[in-house]
Amino acid sequence: MTGSALTPEADDLIARGRDILAGVAEVAEATKLYALAARETYTAVLNAAHAIIRVRTGLVIKNHSGTHSEISRLAHEDSRIDSTMVGFLAHGFELRSRFDYGGKPPPKYSQADALATVAEARRLIDHAAAYLAICDLSPPQ
């Protein structure tokens, strides 16, 4: 492959992440469920991580821990991948788990917290798209 590494599959994953974010801030404001909005940003960034992983390795990873491990490995190997994505995913998964599986209640989020989390998720997704657009990568044969 020559030129951009943003394949149709990767492009779809990036678009899916952006679509998730599109309504999160609006819904959070309408419902005042700021922690829930922050939870949704995890899924958006997870899609961007999947796009990077698919292009770089050819893998389609189906679980959270595998995704976290692989994006961490790739960020360690390639400094052009924003390593803050790794921490964002770890924190987001913990928040998602609190919502989905109970146990420790989710933390209190203010409107400002939720908007900052959405902004960081948007930045990470944009970074993933830019990274893939400049890379000339092929998955292993």
Protein backbone atom coordinates (compact mmCIF):
# COMPACT_ATOMS: atom_id res chain seq x y z
CA MET A 1 0.00 0.00 0.00
CA THR A 2 1.30 3.44 -0.79
CA GLY A 3 0.11 6.80 0.44
CA SER A 4 -2.33 7.09 3.32
CA ALA A 5 -2.82 4.15 5.64
CA LEU A 6 -6.39 5.26 6.29
CA THR A 7 -8.10 2.20 4.79
CA PRO A 8 -11.88 2.05 4.35
CA GLU A 9 -12.11 -0.07 7.52
CA ALA A 10 -9.95 2.33 9.52
CA ASP A 11 -11.86 5.30 8.10
CA ASP A 12 -15.11 3.67 9.24
CA LEU A 13 -13.75 3.16 12.77
CA ILE A 14 -12.58 6.79 12.97
CA ALA A 15 -15.97 7.98 11.66
CA ARG A 16 -17.78 5.79 14.20
CA GLY A 17 -15.74 7.34 17.02
CA ARG A 18 -16.54 10.83 15.79
CA ASP A 19 -20.24 9.97 15.46
CA ILE A 20 -20.35 8.82 19.07
CA LEU A 21 -18.84 12.11 20.22
CA ALA A 22 -21.12 14.22 18.06
CA GLY A 23 -24.09 13.99 20.39
CA VAL A 24 -22.41 13.30 23.71
CA ALA A 25 -21.96 16.91 24.84
CA GLU A 26 -25.48 17.84 23.75
CA VAL A 27 -27.05 14.86 25.52
CA ALA A 28 -24.97 15.51 28.65
CA GLU A 29 -26.18 19.09 28.79
CA ALA A 30 -29.80 18.09 28.30
CA THR A 31 -29.76 15.28 30.88
CA LYS A 32 -27.06 16.52 33.30
CA LEU A 33 -25.65 12.96 33.23
CA TYR A 34 -22.07 14.13 32.91
CA ALA A 35 -20.41 10.91 34.11
CA LEU A 36 -22.43 8.95 31.57
CA ALA A 37 -21.21 11.30 28.84
CA ALA A 38 -17.64 10.72 29.97
CA ARG A 39 -18.31 6.97 29.83
CA GLU A 40 -19.35 7.24 26.18
CA THR A 41 -16.09 8.91 25.22
CA TYR A 42 -14.32 5.63 26.05
CA THR A 43 -16.17 3.83 23.26
CA ALA A 44 -15.36 6.64 20.83
CA VAL A 45 -11.61 6.47 21.54
CA LEU A 46 -11.71 2.67 21.55
CA ASN A 47 -12.79 2.84 17.90
CA ALA A 48 -9.77 5.02 17.09
CA ALA A 49 -7.48 2.54 18.84
CA HIS A 50 -9.01 -0.27 16.79
CA ALA A 51 -8.30 1.69 13.61
CA ILE A 52 -4.62 2.06 14.49
CA ILE A 53 -4.33 -1.59 15.49
CA ARG A 54 -6.04 -2.84 12.34
CA VAL A 55 -3.78 -0.83 10.05
CA ARG A 56 -0.56 -1.49 11.92
CA THR A 57 -1.05 -5.21 12.62
CA GLY A 58 -3.97 -6.44 10.52
CA LEU A 59 -5.61 -7.68 13.74
CA VAL A 60 -9.25 -7.28 14.67
CA ILE A 61 -9.20 -7.44 18.45
CA LYS A 62 -12.50 -8.32 20.09
CA ASN A 63 -11.84 -7.59 23.78
CA HIS A 64 -10.91 -4.57 25.85
CA SER A 65 -7.78 -5.98 27.46
CA GLY A 66 -6.38 -7.07 24.12
CA THR A 67 -7.04 -3.65 22.64
CA HIS A 68 -5.42 -1.90 25.61
CA SER A 69 -2.36 -4.16 25.48
CA GLU A 70 -1.90 -3.82 21.74
CA ILE A 71 -2.30 -0.03 21.59
CA SER A 72 0.12 0.24 24.51
CA ARG A 73 2.65 -1.92 22.68
CA LEU A 74 2.27 0.05 19.47
CA ALA A 75 2.56 3.42 21.25
CA HIS A 76 5.74 2.18 22.91
CA GLU A 77 7.18 1.15 19.53
CA ASP A 78 6.10 4.23 17.59
CA SER A 79 6.37 7.61 19.30
CA ARG A 80 4.08 9.15 16.67
CA ILE A 81 1.14 7.41 18.39
CA ASP A 82 -0.15 9.59 21.21
CA SER A 83 0.66 7.60 24.34
CA THR A 84 -2.01 9.44 26.35
CA MET A 85 -4.52 7.26 24.49
CA VAL A 86 -3.36 4.35 26.66
CA GLY A 87 -4.21 6.15 29.91
CA PHE A 88 -7.45 7.51 28.49
CA LEU A 89 -8.58 3.99 27.60
CA ALA A 90 -7.60 2.59 31.01
CA HIS A 91 -9.53 5.31 32.86
CA GLY A 92 -12.48 5.07 30.47
CA PHE A 93 -12.72 1.31 30.87
CA GLU A 94 -12.80 1.67 34.65
CA LEU A 95 -15.58 4.25 34.39
CA ARG A 96 -17.50 2.09 31.93
CA SER A 97 -17.16 -0.93 34.22
CA ARG A 98 -18.58 1.03 37.14
CA PHE A 99 -21.62 1.93 35.08
CA ASP A 100 -22.14 -1.44 33.45
CA TYR A 101 -21.30 -3.87 36.23
CA GLY A 102 -21.97 -1.99 39.45
CA GLY A 103 -19.72 -2.09 42.45
CA LYS A 104 -18.02 1.21 43.21
CA PRO A 105 -20.27 4.07 42.05
CA PRO A 106 -19.07 6.21 39.17
CA PRO A 107 -17.33 9.43 40.19
CA LYS A 108 -19.14 12.73 40.15
CA TYR A 109 -18.52 14.66 36.95
CA SER A 110 -19.29 18.31 36.46
CA GLN A 111 -20.30 19.79 33.15
CA ALA A 112 -16.75 21.15 32.78
CA ASP A 113 -15.29 17.67 33.48
CA ALA A 114 -17.52 16.09 30.85
CA LEU A 115 -16.74 18.74 28.24
CA ALA A 116 -13.00 18.40 28.92
CA THR A 117 -13.25 14.62 28.53
CA VAL A 118 -15.14 15.01 25.25
CA ALA A 119 -12.52 17.49 24.02
CA GLU A 120 -9.69 15.10 24.91
CA ALA A 121 -11.48 12.22 23.18
CA ARG A 122 -11.95 14.36 20.08
CA ARG A 123 -8.26 15.29 20.14
CA LEU A 124 -7.23 11.63 20.42
CA ILE A 125 -9.50 10.58 17.55
CA ASP A 126 -8.22 13.43 15.38
CA HIS A 127 -4.66 12.44 16.26
CA ALA A 128 -5.34 8.81 15.28
CA ALA A 129 -6.79 9.92 11.93
CA ALA A 130 -3.83 12.24 11.29
CA TYR A 131 -1.38 9.50 12.26
CA LEU A 132 -2.98 7.05 9.87
CA ALA A 133 -3.14 9.65 7.09
CA ILE A 134 0.64 10.21 7.17
CA CYS A 135 1.73 6.62 7.63
CA ASP A 136 2.61 4.33 4.80
CA LEU A 137 1.90 1.05 6.55
CA SER A 138 0.86 -2.39 5.54
CA PRO A 139 -0.30 -5.14 7.85
CA PRO A 140 1.90 -8.22 7.88
CA GLN A 141 1.21 -10.71 5.08
